[in-house]
C-alpha cells in the first residue's frame, strides 16, 4: 500500500540548467558595429545540446543581423558565442533591444538565451551646420610641361615613318614597286610632238633588248607574242624604213608610224 502511495506522489522537477550571460556593454555603439555576446550553460550529466536548435545566422530585424554562432561543449558546460551586427542608422541616441533566443538540450529541456539592450548613437548630428573650417585644404599642384613629351612623340612618329618607308623601299612595296618598262608608250608620247620613225626604232630596240633589224622581227614576235596581231604592220614599217635608209624609196607615212606606235603602246599598257 505504501508503494502505491509513493507512486501517486509527484516526482520532483529536474533542476533547470544555470545560464550565465556576458553581454556587450550597453552604450557607445555605432552603425555597423559588431556586438559579441558570450553565454555559458551548465549541462546535466549525459546531456548535450541539440545542434539543430542552435540559432542560425540570419537577419533578425531590418537593423540587426546574427552573423555567426560558435558553440564549444564540455562534459559539464556549453559555451556559446553569438556575433550580432548593428545596422540601425540613428538620428539621435537610441536604445535597441536584441531579442532572446531559444535552444533545446537532448533531454528536451528548453532553454531561453537571454537578450540584451544597447544604445546606438548617430555618427554625426544630422542638424549640425557645415563650416568652412571643416573642409580639407586644396592640395598643392604643379603644371606639367608637355613639350618634351610632344617632341619625343614627334621624333618617334618620324622614326616610325622612315622605318616604314625604308621597309617599303627594301621590299619594293607600294610606290616603290618597280613598274614594267614602257618604251612604246614613251615613244608614242614623244611622236605626238615629233613623228620621227627613229623614235619607234629605239622603242623596238629597247623592247627586244638589242638592235632590232628586219631579219630579227620573227624572233621578236616569238618572244613577245602579244604584239603578233601587229606583225603585218611591223613588217611593212621595217620594209619602208629599210628602203628609205638605203635610198631606194620614200620614207614611211608619218601618220601610219604614229598610229603603229600608239597600237604598240596600247598592247604594252594592257599587259604591264
Protein backbone atom coordinates (compact mmCIF):
# COMPACT_ATOMS: atom_id res chain seq x y z
CA UNK A 1 0.00 0.00 0.00
CA UNK A 2 2.90 2.33 0.84
CA UNK A 3 4.49 1.84 -2.52
CA UNK A 4 1.19 2.70 -4.20
CA UNK A 5 1.01 5.96 -2.24
CA UNK A 6 4.58 6.73 -3.18
CA UNK A 7 3.78 6.10 -6.82
CA UNK A 8 0.93 8.59 -6.68
CA UNK A 9 3.19 11.36 -5.29
CA UNK A 10 4.57 13.80 -7.94
CA UNK A 11 8.21 13.35 -8.93
CA UNK A 12 10.49 16.26 -8.08
CA UNK A 13 11.13 18.54 -11.09
CA UNK A 14 14.59 18.27 -12.68
CA UNK A 15 16.84 21.25 -12.00
CA UNK A 16 16.93 23.91 -14.75
CA UNK A 17 20.45 24.40 -16.16
CA UNK A 18 22.17 27.55 -14.99
CA UNK A 19 22.57 30.16 -17.76
CA UNK A 20 25.20 32.87 -17.38
CA UNK A 21 25.42 35.66 -19.99
CA UNK A 22 28.24 38.10 -20.67
CA UNK A 23 26.50 40.79 -22.71
CA UNK A 24 28.13 43.67 -24.61
CA UNK A 25 28.33 46.99 -22.75
CA UNK A 26 25.15 48.96 -23.01
CA UNK A 27 26.32 52.15 -24.74
CA UNK A 28 28.78 53.62 -27.22
CA UNK A 29 27.74 51.65 -30.32
CA UNK A 30 27.60 52.98 -33.87
CA UNK A 31 26.20 52.00 -37.25
CA UNK A 32 27.96 48.83 -38.47
CA UNK A 33 29.47 47.82 -35.11
CA UNK A 34 29.62 44.13 -34.19
CA UNK A 35 28.42 43.13 -30.71
CA UNK A 36 29.67 39.86 -29.16
CA UNK A 37 27.55 38.03 -26.61
CA UNK A 38 29.02 35.11 -24.61
CA UNK A 39 26.71 32.65 -22.81
CA UNK A 40 27.63 29.72 -20.52
CA UNK A 41 25.12 26.94 -19.81
CA UNK A 42 25.65 24.24 -17.19
CA UNK A 43 24.80 20.79 -18.55
CA UNK A 44 23.42 17.88 -16.52
CA UNK A 45 25.43 14.64 -16.74
CA UNK A 46 24.91 12.85 -20.04
CA UNK A 47 23.03 15.76 -21.60
CA UNK A 48 24.30 17.73 -24.61
CA UNK A 49 22.98 20.46 -26.88
CA UNK A 50 20.68 19.59 -29.75
CA UNK A 51 22.67 21.08 -32.69
CA UNK A 52 19.50 21.60 -34.73
CA UNK A 53 18.16 24.02 -32.12
CA UNK A 54 21.09 26.44 -32.28
CA UNK A 55 20.19 29.87 -33.72
CA UNK A 56 21.01 30.20 -37.42
CA UNK A 57 22.90 33.23 -38.78
CA UNK A 58 20.23 35.45 -40.33
CA UNK A 59 18.71 38.89 -40.49
CA UNK A 60 16.81 39.07 -37.16
CA UNK A 61 15.39 42.52 -37.94
CA UNK A 62 15.85 45.21 -40.56
CA UNK A 63 18.52 46.77 -38.33
CA UNK A 64 20.03 43.63 -36.75
CA UNK A 65 21.89 40.61 -38.17
CA UNK A 66 23.04 37.49 -36.34
CA UNK A 67 26.36 36.99 -38.15
CA UNK A 68 27.61 33.76 -36.58
CA UNK A 69 27.13 31.32 -33.68
CA UNK A 70 30.06 29.42 -32.15
CA UNK A 71 29.46 26.52 -29.77
CA UNK A 72 32.05 24.81 -27.53
CA UNK A 73 30.87 21.93 -25.36
CA UNK A 74 32.47 20.07 -22.42
CA UNK A 75 31.09 17.36 -20.16
CA UNK A 76 29.55 19.91 -17.80
CA UNK A 77 29.24 23.15 -19.75
CA UNK A 78 28.16 24.63 -23.08
CA UNK A 79 29.73 27.90 -24.18
CA UNK A 80 28.04 29.91 -26.92
CA UNK A 81 29.44 32.98 -28.67
CA UNK A 82 26.92 35.00 -30.69
CA UNK A 83 28.10 37.76 -33.06
CA UNK A 84 25.48 40.45 -33.69
CA UNK A 85 25.84 43.41 -36.07
CA UNK A 86 24.02 46.72 -35.71
CA UNK A 87 22.69 48.41 -38.88
CA UNK A 88 20.49 50.99 -37.17
CA UNK A 89 21.23 54.47 -38.52
CA UNK A 90 20.34 56.58 -35.53
CA UNK A 91 19.41 60.25 -35.78
CA UNK A 92 19.87 60.55 -32.01
CA UNK A 93 20.99 58.14 -29.25
CA UNK A 94 18.51 55.27 -29.26
CA UNK A 95 18.17 52.08 -27.24
CA UNK A 96 17.79 48.91 -29.26
CA UNK A 97 16.69 45.53 -27.81
CA UNK A 98 18.22 42.28 -29.03
CA UNK A 99 15.57 39.54 -28.57
CA UNK A 100 16.20 36.32 -26.60
CA UNK A 101 16.81 33.03 -28.42
CA UNK A 102 15.62 29.51 -27.63
CA UNK A 103 17.67 26.31 -27.75
CA UNK A 104 16.98 22.71 -26.74
CA UNK A 105 19.01 20.02 -24.98
CA UNK A 106 19.00 16.35 -25.88
CA UNK A 107 16.74 15.64 -22.86
CA UNK A 108 14.18 18.01 -24.46
CA UNK A 109 14.80 20.74 -21.94
CA UNK A 110 14.12 24.17 -23.48
CA UNK A 111 16.49 26.95 -22.53
CA UNK A 112 15.96 30.65 -23.19
CA UNK A 113 19.11 32.51 -24.14
CA UNK A 114 18.83 35.99 -22.68
CA UNK A 115 18.61 39.06 -24.86
CA UNK A 116 20.19 42.42 -24.11
CA UNK A 117 19.82 46.10 -24.84
CA UNK A 118 22.32 48.65 -26.09
CA UNK A 119 22.34 52.30 -27.04
CA UNK A 120 23.40 53.26 -30.56
CA UNK A 121 24.34 56.82 -31.43
CA UNK A 122 24.45 58.81 -34.67
CA UNK A 123 27.81 59.07 -36.37
CA UNK A 124 27.29 62.83 -36.93
CA UNK A 125 24.50 65.11 -35.72
CA UNK A 126 22.17 65.44 -38.70
CA UNK A 127 21.40 69.11 -37.99
CA UNK A 128 24.99 70.15 -37.32
CA UNK A 129 25.91 73.05 -39.64
CA UNK A 130 28.80 72.69 -42.04
CA UNK A 131 31.51 75.30 -41.72
CA UNK A 132 34.42 76.23 -43.92
CA UNK A 133 36.98 75.09 -41.35
CA UNK A 134 35.69 71.52 -41.69
CA UNK A 135 36.94 71.36 -45.29
CA UNK A 136 40.35 69.99 -46.12
CA UNK A 137 42.67 72.48 -47.83
CA UNK A 138 43.17 72.11 -51.56
CA UNK A 139 46.23 70.01 -52.39
CA UNK A 140 49.16 71.79 -53.95
CA UNK A 141 49.63 71.11 -57.62
CA UNK A 142 52.13 71.93 -60.29
CA UNK A 143 51.75 72.23 -64.03
CA UNK A 144 53.46 69.56 -66.08
CA UNK A 145 55.36 70.76 -69.16
CA UNK A 146 54.23 68.58 -72.07
CA UNK A 147 56.78 69.96 -74.55
CA UNK A 148 59.38 67.19 -74.02
CA UNK A 149 56.67 64.54 -74.41
CA UNK A 150 55.41 66.17 -77.62
CA UNK A 151 58.93 66.39 -79.03
CA UNK A 152 59.52 62.75 -78.16
CA UNK A 153 56.24 61.77 -79.77
CA UNK A 154 57.11 63.70 -82.94
CA UNK A 155 60.55 62.09 -83.16
CA UNK A 156 59.01 58.66 -82.59
CA UNK A 157 56.46 59.23 -85.37
CA UNK A 158 59.20 60.46 -87.71
CA UNK A 159 61.34 57.41 -86.94
CA UNK A 160 58.35 55.14 -87.49
CA UNK A 161 57.56 56.81 -90.83
CA UNK A 162 61.16 56.49 -92.03
CA UNK A 163 61.26 52.87 -90.92
CA UNK A 164 58.06 52.07 -92.85
CA UNK A 165 59.35 53.85 -95.95
CA UNK A 166 62.69 52.04 -95.72
CA UNK A 167 60.92 48.70 -95.40
CA UNK A 168 58.64 49.50 -98.35
CA UNK A 169 61.66 50.53 -100.45
CA UNK A 170 63.59 47.41 -99.45
CA UNK A 171 60.64 45.13 -100.21
CA UNK A 172 59.58 47.11 -103.32
CA UNK A 173 56.12 47.74 -101.88
CA UNK A 174 53.59 50.46 -102.71
CA UNK A 175 55.08 53.46 -104.51
CA UNK A 176 58.48 51.75 -104.62
CA UNK A 177 57.18 48.84 -106.66
CA UNK A 178 59.15 48.57 -109.86
CA UNK A 179 56.96 49.32 -112.87
CA UNK A 180 57.33 47.49 -116.11
CA UNK A 181 59.31 49.29 -118.79
CA UNK A 182 57.07 51.02 -121.37
CA UNK A 183 59.29 52.02 -124.29
CA UNK A 184 56.39 52.11 -126.77
CA UNK A 185 54.32 54.35 -124.50
CA UNK A 186 57.20 56.80 -124.16
CA UNK A 187 57.77 56.69 -127.92
CA UNK A 188 54.07 57.28 -128.69
CA UNK A 189 54.02 60.34 -126.42
CA UNK A 190 57.21 61.74 -127.95
CA UNK A 191 55.99 61.06 -131.51
CA UNK A 192 52.81 63.05 -130.84
CA UNK A 193 55.09 66.10 -130.93
CA UNK A 194 57.71 64.80 -133.39
CA UNK A 195 56.60 61.94 -135.71
CA UNK A 196 60.17 60.68 -136.26
CA UNK A 197 60.30 56.98 -137.16
CA UNK A 198 63.67 56.71 -135.37
CA UNK A 199 61.83 57.08 -132.03
CA UNK A 200 59.86 53.94 -132.85
CA UNK A 201 63.07 52.12 -133.84
CA UNK A 202 64.63 52.96 -130.45
CA UNK A 203 61.49 51.68 -128.67
CA UNK A 204 61.66 48.41 -130.63
CA UNK A 205 65.36 48.06 -129.75
CA UNK A 206 64.56 48.61 -126.05
CA UNK A 207 61.77 46.04 -126.11
CA UNK A 208 63.97 43.49 -127.91
CA UNK A 209 66.99 44.10 -125.70
CA UNK A 210 69.29 44.86 -128.61
CA UNK A 211 69.10 46.46 -132.03
CA UNK A 212 66.11 45.02 -133.84
CA UNK A 213 66.53 44.64 -137.62
CA UNK A 214 64.06 43.36 -140.14
CA UNK A 215 65.59 39.90 -140.15
CA UNK A 216 65.11 39.54 -136.37
CA UNK A 217 61.44 40.53 -136.48
CA UNK A 218 60.19 36.88 -136.32
CA UNK A 219 62.38 36.31 -133.24
CA UNK A 220 60.96 39.47 -131.61
CA UNK A 221 57.39 38.36 -132.24
CA UNK A 222 58.14 34.87 -130.91
CA UNK A 223 59.48 36.30 -127.63
CA UNK A 224 56.68 38.90 -127.44
CA UNK A 225 53.59 37.12 -128.77
CA UNK A 226 51.30 39.92 -127.54
CA UNK A 227 52.47 42.01 -130.49
CA UNK A 228 51.73 39.29 -133.05
CA UNK A 229 48.44 40.94 -134.19
CA UNK A 230 50.58 43.83 -135.48
CA UNK A 231 53.01 41.57 -137.35
CA UNK A 232 51.98 42.74 -140.85
CA UNK A 233 52.16 46.41 -139.89
CA UNK A 234 55.58 45.89 -138.29
CA UNK A 235 56.84 44.12 -141.44
CA UNK A 236 55.56 46.97 -143.60
CA UNK A 237 57.19 49.53 -141.27
CA UNK A 238 60.57 47.78 -141.43
CA UNK A 239 60.31 47.38 -145.23
CA UNK A 240 59.57 51.06 -145.76
CA UNK A 241 62.22 52.11 -143.26
CA UNK A 242 64.87 49.95 -144.96
CA UNK A 243 64.11 51.31 -148.43
CA UNK A 244 64.36 54.84 -147.06
CA UNK A 245 67.60 54.07 -145.24
CA UNK A 246 69.20 52.65 -148.38
CA UNK A 247 67.79 55.41 -150.62
CA UNK A 248 65.54 53.12 -152.64
CA UNK A 249 62.14 54.60 -151.75
CA UNK A 250 60.28 57.28 -149.82
CA UNK A 251 60.01 57.34 -146.02
CA UNK A 252 57.08 55.63 -144.25
CA UNK A 253 53.91 57.65 -143.79
CA UNK A 254 54.35 59.62 -140.54
CA UNK A 255 50.67 59.17 -139.65
CA UNK A 256 50.98 55.39 -140.02
CA UNK A 257 54.17 55.35 -137.94
CA UNK A 258 52.43 57.32 -135.12
CA UNK A 259 49.37 55.02 -135.36
CA UNK A 260 51.61 51.93 -135.13
CA UNK A 261 53.41 53.38 -132.08
CA UNK A 262 50.06 54.01 -130.38
CA UNK A 263 48.85 50.48 -131.17
CA UNK A 264 52.06 49.01 -129.68
CA UNK A 265 51.60 51.28 -126.63
CA UNK A 266 48.05 50.07 -126.03
CA UNK A 267 49.16 46.44 -126.10
CA UNK A 268 52.11 47.30 -123.82
CA UNK A 269 49.92 49.07 -121.24
CA UNK A 270 47.37 46.29 -121.31
CA UNK A 271 49.99 43.71 -120.38
CA UNK A 272 52.02 45.67 -117.80
